[in-house]
């Protein structure tokens, strides 16, 4: 467990706690399913990201419910706001009650959210479904990665985390790709059919969660209230620990630059004359590409180095946006792969850096805090971007985003590089 990059005062306080023995007492007599948990978490990711409605969801909302593109961005902002509201409390819940309990709550809510979505007929109904799905997603995110890290650590295999992170992401993306290919076909037959297929698929998430086993975790008896402990985690991660703060910032910048296009690529393709029946196949191809990049992320990082790999991610952002904006033919959709490449490369790198620097007993909380800030960024940026596209058109809006997201990503990479170049602090 390390406190590298932390403020000297915070490091001293933490080290004193370790010396006193209040942060490192582990429950005794509990067995750890260190080999089973990673495989079950991969299965959980496959089921969570089997998303039949996603490749046509924007079309469903605009053509079937009658919403504008700005309305769609508001709905996605509502989803993100729900994640923001529940993300950190759910991570804290996972740290204190258990990752398995958090995942059970998330899996049950995910099923209920899609059931509500399938029967929706209005903006209000979709809004409520997005809120429930966002809250459920929050209970899964953070808890799954924290359980993966401690499961590997219990088996003495922590160095394998980035590879397992890549496998987890690749499995999720392959699942999303295959379900997207089917979802596009289902939408062509009946626009609401992908949603009804999604409901039982989401319910299957409960099966691998029930098979998981919590790993014994560090306990703490610092005498702090829950509110005090939560504030301590936020203060430690975003103020005292320079490396954690810089890593979270980089993850937000790179993540937001690619996530926006997930919601714009469908109307972009439609405007270029691509039939909706092809959307599933295109979505599948993009996510299969993303899965492949995720699988080789660790190897590429080993070969090129972290900084060079992240710099390549930053440079792919303007290539993707300008390619989509300036190339007139339908083949321009191939530039969407730039964003898939960035997602596949940076995700495991950022997740590994967060896992290494997070304190053991607050791991899920730190991961959830990072996800919260990403979602909060989308809450702020998503609706104005949707309004920008509605107001000036797709092409000019993409060029504006090329400039803004490239600048933000390069600045975040600079901060990340500086923070990780500093002398490391003591370990406990």
Protein backbone atom coordinates (compact mmCIF):
# COMPACT_ATOMS: atom_id res chain seq x y z
CA UNK A 1 0.00 0.00 0.00
CA UNK A 2 1.52 3.32 -0.99
CA UNK A 3 0.95 6.98 -0.35
CA UNK A 4 3.18 8.20 -3.13
CA UNK A 5 2.53 11.73 -4.29
CA UNK A 6 0.73 12.72 -1.12
CA UNK A 7 1.24 15.92 0.78
CA UNK A 8 4.01 15.46 3.43
CA UNK A 9 1.62 16.25 6.29
CA UNK A 10 -0.90 13.71 4.98
CA UNK A 11 1.82 11.08 4.49
CA UNK A 12 3.01 11.55 8.06
CA UNK A 13 -0.52 11.21 9.40
CA UNK A 14 -1.12 8.08 7.37
CA UNK A 15 2.21 6.50 8.34
CA UNK A 16 1.48 7.15 12.00
CA UNK A 17 -1.82 5.34 11.59
CA UNK A 18 -0.10 2.34 10.06
CA UNK A 19 2.45 2.30 12.89
CA UNK A 20 -0.35 2.36 15.43
CA UNK A 21 -1.96 -0.59 13.71
CA UNK A 22 -5.33 1.02 13.14
CA UNK A 23 -5.34 0.77 9.34
CA UNK A 24 -3.93 -2.66 8.59
CA UNK A 25 -5.86 -5.20 10.65
CA UNK A 26 -7.33 -7.83 8.35
CA UNK A 27 -10.14 -10.22 9.27
CA UNK A 28 -8.79 -13.66 10.04
CA UNK A 29 -10.07 -17.08 9.05
CA UNK A 30 -11.69 -16.05 5.77
CA UNK A 31 -10.81 -17.79 2.52
CA UNK A 32 -10.35 -15.77 -0.65
CA UNK A 33 -11.59 -16.88 -4.05
CA UNK A 34 -8.75 -15.08 -5.79
CA UNK A 35 -8.91 -17.15 -8.96
CA UNK A 36 -12.72 -17.29 -9.32
CA UNK A 37 -13.54 -13.62 -8.74
CA UNK A 38 -11.65 -12.22 -11.77
CA UNK A 39 -13.42 -14.64 -14.11
CA UNK A 40 -16.83 -13.89 -12.62
CA UNK A 41 -16.16 -10.17 -12.93
CA UNK A 42 -15.37 -10.66 -16.61
CA UNK A 43 -18.71 -12.48 -16.99
CA UNK A 44 -20.46 -9.65 -15.16
CA UNK A 45 -18.91 -7.10 -17.54
CA UNK A 46 -20.08 -9.12 -20.54
CA UNK A 47 -23.68 -9.13 -19.29
CA UNK A 48 -23.70 -5.49 -18.20
CA UNK A 49 -22.48 -4.33 -21.61
CA UNK A 50 -24.77 -6.52 -23.66
CA UNK A 51 -26.66 -3.39 -24.71
CA UNK A 52 -29.06 -4.16 -27.52
CA UNK A 53 -30.73 -0.69 -27.64
CA UNK A 54 -27.56 1.43 -27.62
CA UNK A 55 -26.68 1.56 -31.35
CA UNK A 56 -30.11 2.97 -32.16
CA UNK A 57 -31.15 4.60 -28.87
CA UNK A 58 -30.74 8.15 -30.17
CA UNK A 59 -32.93 7.30 -33.16
CA UNK A 60 -35.48 5.66 -30.88
CA UNK A 61 -35.68 8.76 -28.70
CA UNK A 62 -35.91 11.21 -31.61
CA UNK A 63 -38.06 9.21 -34.05
CA UNK A 64 -40.28 7.21 -31.68
CA UNK A 65 -40.57 9.42 -28.59
CA UNK A 66 -40.28 12.69 -30.56
CA UNK A 67 -37.35 14.26 -28.71
CA UNK A 68 -34.79 16.72 -30.04
CA UNK A 69 -31.05 16.13 -29.98
CA UNK A 70 -30.80 18.66 -27.16
CA UNK A 71 -33.40 16.58 -25.24
CA UNK A 72 -31.25 13.48 -25.78
CA UNK A 73 -28.22 15.25 -24.33
CA UNK A 74 -30.34 16.40 -21.37
CA UNK A 75 -31.34 12.77 -20.77
CA UNK A 76 -27.72 11.66 -20.87
CA UNK A 77 -26.86 14.50 -18.53
CA UNK A 78 -29.61 13.20 -16.22
CA UNK A 79 -28.01 9.75 -16.33
CA UNK A 80 -24.65 11.33 -15.53
CA UNK A 81 -26.18 13.46 -12.77
CA UNK A 82 -27.61 10.31 -11.21
CA UNK A 83 -24.18 8.71 -11.38
CA UNK A 84 -22.71 11.85 -9.80
CA UNK A 85 -25.25 11.71 -6.97
CA UNK A 86 -24.74 8.01 -6.20
CA UNK A 87 -21.17 7.34 -7.36
CA UNK A 88 -19.21 8.33 -4.28
CA UNK A 89 -21.80 7.08 -1.74
CA UNK A 90 -21.91 3.73 -3.58
CA UNK A 91 -18.12 3.46 -3.51
CA UNK A 92 -18.10 4.27 0.19
CA UNK A 93 -20.87 1.65 0.65
CA UNK A 94 -18.70 -0.93 -1.15
CA UNK A 95 -15.69 -0.12 1.05
CA UNK A 96 -17.66 -0.36 4.28
CA UNK A 97 -20.31 -3.03 3.57
CA UNK A 98 -18.66 -5.02 0.78
CA UNK A 99 -18.16 -4.97 -2.96
CA UNK A 100 -20.48 -7.93 -3.49
CA UNK A 101 -23.36 -6.14 -1.73
CA UNK A 102 -22.80 -3.05 -3.88
CA UNK A 103 -22.80 -5.16 -7.03
CA UNK A 104 -26.05 -6.87 -5.99
CA UNK A 105 -27.75 -3.49 -5.56
CA UNK A 106 -26.43 -2.36 -8.94
CA UNK A 107 -27.49 -5.52 -10.80
CA UNK A 108 -31.04 -5.40 -9.39
CA UNK A 109 -31.44 -1.72 -10.21
CA UNK A 110 -30.02 -2.19 -13.71
CA UNK A 111 -32.74 -4.75 -14.48
CA UNK A 112 -35.49 -2.49 -13.11
CA UNK A 113 -34.20 0.51 -15.07
CA UNK A 114 -34.32 -1.26 -18.41
CA UNK A 115 -37.82 -2.59 -17.63
CA UNK A 116 -38.97 0.99 -17.06
CA UNK A 117 -37.21 2.12 -20.26
CA UNK A 118 -38.92 -0.57 -22.32
CA UNK A 119 -42.36 0.68 -21.34
CA UNK A 120 -41.60 4.41 -21.65
CA UNK A 121 -43.77 6.64 -23.83
CA UNK A 122 -42.64 10.13 -22.81
CA UNK A 123 -39.66 12.27 -21.87
CA UNK A 124 -40.61 11.97 -18.19
CA UNK A 125 -40.66 8.17 -18.26
CA UNK A 126 -37.31 7.98 -20.05
CA UNK A 127 -35.92 10.54 -17.60
CA UNK A 128 -36.87 8.32 -14.63
CA UNK A 129 -35.38 5.26 -16.34
CA UNK A 130 -32.11 7.10 -16.96
CA UNK A 131 -31.97 8.16 -13.29
CA UNK A 132 -32.42 4.55 -12.14
CA UNK A 133 -29.88 3.22 -14.64
CA UNK A 134 -27.38 5.87 -13.58
CA UNK A 135 -27.74 5.02 -9.89
CA UNK A 136 -27.39 1.30 -10.64
CA UNK A 137 -24.33 1.89 -12.77
CA UNK A 138 -22.76 3.79 -9.86
CA UNK A 139 -23.18 0.80 -7.54
CA UNK A 140 -21.34 -1.42 -10.04
CA UNK A 141 -18.52 0.93 -11.05
CA UNK A 142 -15.71 1.14 -8.54
CA UNK A 143 -16.88 -1.94 -6.65
CA UNK A 144 -16.05 -4.28 -9.55
CA UNK A 145 -12.55 -2.85 -10.12
CA UNK A 146 -11.77 -2.68 -6.41
CA UNK A 147 -12.76 -6.33 -6.00
CA UNK A 148 -10.62 -7.27 -9.01
CA UNK A 149 -7.58 -5.50 -7.54
CA UNK A 150 -7.84 -7.04 -4.06
CA UNK A 151 -8.62 -10.49 -5.49
CA UNK A 152 -5.45 -10.41 -7.57
CA UNK A 153 -3.52 -8.92 -4.66
CA UNK A 154 -4.65 -11.73 -2.33
CA UNK A 155 -3.11 -14.19 -4.79
CA UNK A 156 0.11 -12.16 -5.10
CA UNK A 157 -0.77 -11.20 -8.69
CA UNK A 158 -1.20 -7.43 -8.44
CA UNK A 159 1.20 -6.91 -11.36
CA UNK A 160 -1.37 -8.59 -13.61
CA UNK A 161 -4.00 -5.94 -12.93
CA UNK A 162 -3.57 -3.91 -16.14
CA UNK A 163 -3.87 -7.07 -18.23
CA UNK A 164 -7.03 -8.13 -16.38
CA UNK A 165 -8.36 -4.58 -16.72
CA UNK A 166 -7.78 -4.88 -20.45
CA UNK A 167 -9.54 -8.25 -20.53
CA UNK A 168 -12.46 -6.86 -18.58
CA UNK A 169 -12.83 -3.93 -20.97
CA UNK A 170 -12.31 -6.09 -24.05
CA UNK A 171 -14.97 -8.55 -22.92
CA UNK A 172 -17.40 -5.70 -22.26
CA UNK A 173 -16.71 -4.23 -25.68
CA UNK A 174 -17.04 -7.54 -27.52
CA UNK A 175 -20.34 -8.09 -25.74
CA UNK A 176 -21.50 -4.61 -26.70
CA UNK A 177 -20.39 -5.19 -30.27
CA UNK A 178 -22.25 -8.47 -30.67
CA UNK A 179 -25.38 -7.15 -28.97
CA UNK A 180 -25.21 -4.02 -31.12
CA UNK A 181 -25.16 -6.07 -34.30
CA UNK A 182 -28.30 -7.89 -33.13
CA UNK A 183 -29.82 -4.67 -31.75
CA UNK A 184 -29.66 -2.89 -35.10
CA UNK A 185 -31.47 -5.80 -36.75
CA UNK A 186 -34.07 -5.88 -33.95
CA UNK A 187 -34.69 -2.14 -34.31
CA UNK A 188 -35.30 -2.56 -38.04
CA UNK A 189 -37.99 -5.13 -37.23
CA UNK A 190 -39.61 -3.17 -34.37
CA UNK A 191 -38.12 -0.05 -32.73
CA UNK A 192 -39.00 -1.15 -29.19
CA UNK A 193 -37.84 -4.75 -29.57
CA UNK A 194 -34.19 -4.13 -28.53
CA UNK A 195 -35.44 -2.74 -25.21
CA UNK A 196 -37.56 -5.78 -24.44
CA UNK A 197 -34.66 -8.11 -25.24
CA UNK A 198 -32.49 -6.00 -22.94
CA UNK A 199 -34.65 -6.64 -19.85
CA UNK A 200 -33.94 -10.39 -19.33
CA UNK A 201 -30.31 -9.88 -20.36
CA UNK A 202 -29.88 -7.32 -17.59
CA UNK A 203 -31.50 -9.68 -15.07
CA UNK A 204 -28.84 -12.30 -15.80
CA UNK A 205 -26.25 -10.02 -14.15
CA UNK A 206 -27.42 -11.34 -10.81
CA UNK A 207 -25.97 -14.80 -11.54
CA UNK A 208 -22.22 -13.96 -11.53
CA UNK A 209 -22.68 -11.47 -8.68
CA UNK A 210 -24.16 -14.17 -6.46
CA UNK A 211 -21.08 -16.31 -7.20
CA UNK A 212 -18.60 -13.63 -6.11
CA UNK A 213 -16.89 -13.68 -2.70
CA UNK A 214 -15.71 -10.60 -0.87
CA UNK A 215 -12.00 -10.47 -0.11
CA UNK A 216 -10.92 -9.62 3.47
CA UNK A 217 -10.27 -5.90 3.53
CA UNK A 218 -8.29 -3.55 5.71
CA UNK A 219 -10.30 -2.21 8.63
CA UNK A 220 -10.12 1.16 10.28
CA UNK A 221 -11.12 2.36 13.72
CA UNK A 222 -9.95 5.94 13.44
CA UNK A 223 -12.94 7.22 15.39
CA UNK A 224 -14.20 9.32 12.45
CA UNK A 225 -17.86 9.52 11.54
CA UNK A 226 -18.89 8.29 8.10
CA UNK A 227 -19.23 11.88 6.92
CA UNK A 228 -15.80 12.71 8.29
CA UNK A 229 -14.23 9.69 6.63
CA UNK A 230 -15.87 10.53 3.30
CA UNK A 231 -14.58 14.10 3.47
CA UNK A 232 -11.12 12.79 4.31
CA UNK A 233 -11.14 10.58 1.18
CA UNK A 234 -12.14 13.50 -1.05
CA UNK A 235 -9.56 15.80 0.53
CA UNK A 236 -6.81 13.20 0.30
CA UNK A 237 -7.54 12.31 -3.34
CA UNK A 238 -8.13 15.80 -4.75
CA UNK A 239 -5.92 17.99 -2.57
CA UNK A 240 -3.13 16.20 -0.72
CA UNK A 241 -2.30 13.44 -3.22
CA UNK A 242 -0.89 15.15 -6.30
CA UNK A 243 -0.65 11.99 -8.38
CA UNK A 244 -4.22 10.90 -7.71
CA UNK A 245 -5.50 14.38 -8.57
CA UNK A 246 -3.54 14.50 -11.83
CA UNK A 247 -4.60 10.96 -12.81
CA UNK A 248 -8.27 11.73 -12.18
CA UNK A 249 -7.96 14.93 -14.23
CA UNK A 250 -6.39 13.11 -17.16
CA UNK A 251 -9.07 10.42 -17.05
CA UNK A 252 -11.81 13.07 -17.12
CA UNK A 253 -10.24 14.98 -20.04
CA UNK A 254 -9.60 11.94 -22.24
CA UNK A 255 -12.83 10.22 -21.26
CA UNK A 256 -15.05 13.21 -22.00
CA UNK A 257 -13.38 13.84 -25.37
CA UNK A 258 -14.40 10.36 -26.56
CA UNK A 259 -17.70 9.91 -24.69
CA UNK A 260 -19.36 12.87 -26.39
CA UNK A 261 -19.01 11.20 -29.79
CA UNK A 262 -20.82 8.09 -28.55
CA UNK A 263 -23.99 10.20 -28.56
CA UNK A 264 -23.25 12.13 -31.73
CA UNK A 265 -22.14 9.35 -34.07
CA UNK A 266 -25.68 8.09 -34.72
CA UNK A 267 -27.15 11.39 -35.97
CA UNK A 268 -23.84 11.99 -37.80
CA UNK A 269 -24.16 8.68 -39.64
CA UNK A 270 -27.84 9.29 -40.35
CA UNK A 271 -27.04 12.71 -41.84
CA UNK A 272 -24.44 11.06 -44.08
CA UNK A 273 -27.14 8.81 -45.53
CA UNK A 274 -26.23 5.56 -43.77
CA UNK A 275 -29.39 3.43 -43.29
CA UNK A 276 -30.35 2.65 -39.65
CA UNK A 277 -30.18 -1.08 -40.44
CA UNK A 278 -26.41 -0.66 -40.75
CA UNK A 279 -26.00 1.05 -37.39
CA UNK A 280 -25.76 -2.20 -35.46
CA UNK A 281 -23.03 -3.58 -37.70
CA UNK A 282 -21.05 -0.33 -37.56
CA UNK A 283 -21.39 -0.15 -33.80
CA UNK A 284 -20.27 -3.77 -33.55
CA UNK A 285 -17.22 -3.17 -35.73
CA UNK A 286 -16.21 -0.14 -33.66
CA UNK A 287 -16.45 -2.03 -30.39
CA UNK A 288 -14.61 -5.05 -31.70
CA UNK A 289 -11.82 -2.64 -32.63
CA UNK A 290 -12.04 -1.18 -29.13
CA UNK A 291 -11.82 -4.67 -27.62
CA UNK A 292 -8.69 -5.44 -29.61
CA UNK A 293 -7.03 -2.19 -28.53
CA UNK A 294 -7.92 -2.87 -24.88
CA UNK A 295 -6.34 -6.33 -25.06
CA UNK A 296 -3.03 -4.96 -26.36
CA UNK A 297 -3.03 -1.82 -24.20
CA UNK A 298 -0.66 -3.30 -21.59
CA UNK A 299 1.77 -4.56 -24.23
CA UNK A 300 1.79 -1.24 -26.08
CA UNK A 301 2.34 0.63 -22.85
CA UNK A 302 5.27 -1.66 -22.00
CA UNK A 303 6.77 -1.08 -25.44
CA UNK A 304 6.19 2.66 -25.83
CA UNK A 305 6.03 3.87 -22.26
CA UNK A 306 3.11 5.46 -20.44
CA UNK A 307 3.81 9.05 -21.52
CA UNK A 308 4.23 8.24 -25.22
CA UNK A 309 1.06 6.13 -25.23
CA UNK A 310 -0.96 8.88 -23.56
CA UNK A 311 0.49 11.52 -25.90
CA UNK A 312 -0.65 9.40 -28.85
CA UNK A 313 -4.14 9.38 -27.29
CA UNK A 314 -4.14 13.18 -27.08
CA UNK A 315 -3.09 13.50 -30.73
CA UNK A 316 -5.76 11.08 -31.94
CA UNK A 317 -8.49 13.38 -30.59
CA UNK A 318 -8.09 16.17 -33.19
CA UNK A 319 -7.56 13.57 -35.94
CA UNK A 320 -10.92 12.02 -35.09
CA UNK A 321 -12.91 15.22 -34.81
CA UNK A 322 -11.42 16.94 -37.86
CA UNK A 323 -11.69 13.79 -39.96
CA UNK A 324 -15.39 13.51 -39.19
CA UNK A 325 -15.90 17.24 -39.81
CA UNK A 326 -13.94 17.67 -43.04
CA UNK A 327 -14.13 14.40 -44.99
CA UNK A 328 -17.32 14.58 -47.10
CA UNK A 329 -17.92 10.91 -47.93
CA UNK A 330 -19.66 8.27 -45.82
CA UNK A 331 -16.23 6.68 -45.29
CA UNK A 332 -15.56 9.50 -42.80
CA UNK A 333 -17.26 7.37 -40.12
CA UNK A 334 -13.98 5.42 -40.01
CA UNK A 335 -12.50 8.34 -38.05
CA UNK A 336 -14.74 7.26 -35.17
CA UNK A 337 -12.13 4.53 -34.61
CA UNK A 338 -9.76 7.24 -33.35
CA UNK A 339 -12.00 7.66 -30.31
CA UNK A 340 -12.26 3.89 -29.82
CA UNK A 341 -8.47 3.68 -29.88
CA UNK A 342 -8.14 6.40 -27.24
CA UNK A 343 -10.67 4.64 -25.02
CA UNK A 344 -8.92 1.30 -25.36
CA UNK A 345 -5.46 2.67 -24.60
CA UNK A 346 -6.05 5.20 -21.85
CA UNK A 347 -8.64 3.29 -19.80
CA UNK A 348 -6.36 0.55 -18.42
CA UNK A 349 -3.50 3.02 -17.90
CA UNK A 350 -5.60 5.44 -15.86
CA UNK A 351 -7.31 2.65 -13.90
CA UNK A 352 -3.97 1.05 -13.01
CA UNK A 353 -2.54 4.38 -11.85
CA UNK A 354 -5.58 4.99 -9.64
CA UNK A 355 -5.40 1.50 -8.13
CA UNK A 356 -1.71 1.86 -7.29
CA UNK A 357 -2.16 5.16 -5.45
CA UNK A 358 -5.50 4.55 -3.70
CA UNK A 359 -5.43 3.60 -0.04
CA UNK A 360 -6.43 -0.03 0.49
CA UNK A 361 -9.46 0.57 2.70
CA UNK A 362 -10.80 3.37 0.45
CA UNK A 363 -10.12 1.85 -2.96
CA UNK A 364 -13.71 1.67 -4.28
CA UNK A 365 -14.36 5.18 -2.95
CA UNK A 366 -11.43 6.63 -4.91
CA UNK A 367 -12.45 4.83 -8.11
CA UNK A 368 -16.02 6.03 -7.65
CA UNK A 369 -14.80 9.58 -7.03
CA UNK A 370 -12.96 9.50 -10.36
CA UNK A 371 -16.09 8.24 -12.14
CA UNK A 372 -18.17 10.88 -10.36
CA UNK A 373 -15.99 13.71 -11.64
CA UNK A 374 -16.11 12.34 -15.18
CA UNK A 375 -19.91 12.20 -15.07
CA UNK A 376 -20.10 15.64 -13.52
CA UNK A 377 -17.99 16.96 -16.40
CA UNK A 378 -20.51 15.50 -18.84
CA UNK A 379 -23.42 16.99 -16.90
CA UNK A 380 -21.80 20.38 -17.43
CA UNK A 381 -20.62 19.89 -21.03
CA UNK A 382 -23.23 17.58 -22.58
CA UNK A 383 -26.29 19.86 -22.93
CA UNK A 384 -24.29 22.85 -24.30
CA UNK A 385 -22.65 20.55 -26.85
CA UNK A 386 -26.07 19.24 -27.92
CA UNK A 387 -27.33 22.81 -28.25
CA UNK A 388 -24.21 23.74 -30.22
CA UNK A 389 -24.84 20.94 -32.73
CA UNK A 390 -28.50 21.93 -33.04
CA UNK A 391 -27.54 25.58 -33.49
CA UNK A 392 -24.55 25.62 -35.87
CA UNK A 393 -24.64 22.14 -37.41
CA UNK A 394 -22.58 19.01 -36.91
CA UNK A 395 -19.47 20.01 -38.92
CA UNK A 396 -18.71 23.36 -37.22
CA UNK A 397 -19.50 21.88 -33.81
CA UNK A 398 -17.01 19.05 -34.37
CA UNK A 399 -14.28 21.55 -35.24
CA UNK A 400 -14.96 23.52 -32.05
CA UNK A 401 -14.76 20.30 -30.04
CA UNK A 402 -11.50 19.35 -31.76
CA UNK A 403 -9.84 22.49 -30.46
CA UNK A 404 -11.36 22.40 -26.98
CA UNK A 405 -10.84 18.73 -26.18
CA UNK A 406 -7.31 18.63 -27.61
CA UNK A 407 -6.22 21.59 -25.49
CA UNK A 408 -7.82 20.14 -22.34
CA UNK A 409 -6.25 16.70 -22.88
CA UNK A 410 -2.74 18.06 -23.49
CA UNK A 411 -2.93 20.24 -20.39
CA UNK A 412 -4.13 17.26 -18.33
CA UNK A 413 -1.30 15.10 -19.69
CA UNK A 414 1.22 17.78 -18.74
CA UNK A 415 -0.09 17.81 -15.17
CA UNK A 416 -0.09 14.01 -15.04
CA UNK A 417 3.51 13.81 -16.27
CA UNK A 418 4.72 16.39 -13.77
CA UNK A 419 2.95 14.74 -10.83
CA UNK A 420 4.34 11.30 -11.65
CA UNK A 421 7.85 12.69 -12.15
CA UNK A 422 8.00 13.98 -8.57
CA UNK A 423 9.94 12.12 -5.91
CA UNK A 424 7.83 9.38 -4.38
CA UNK A 425 6.78 9.43 -0.79
CA UNK A 426 7.17 6.71 1.86
CA UNK A 427 5.20 3.51 1.69
CA UNK A 428 3.28 1.73 4.38
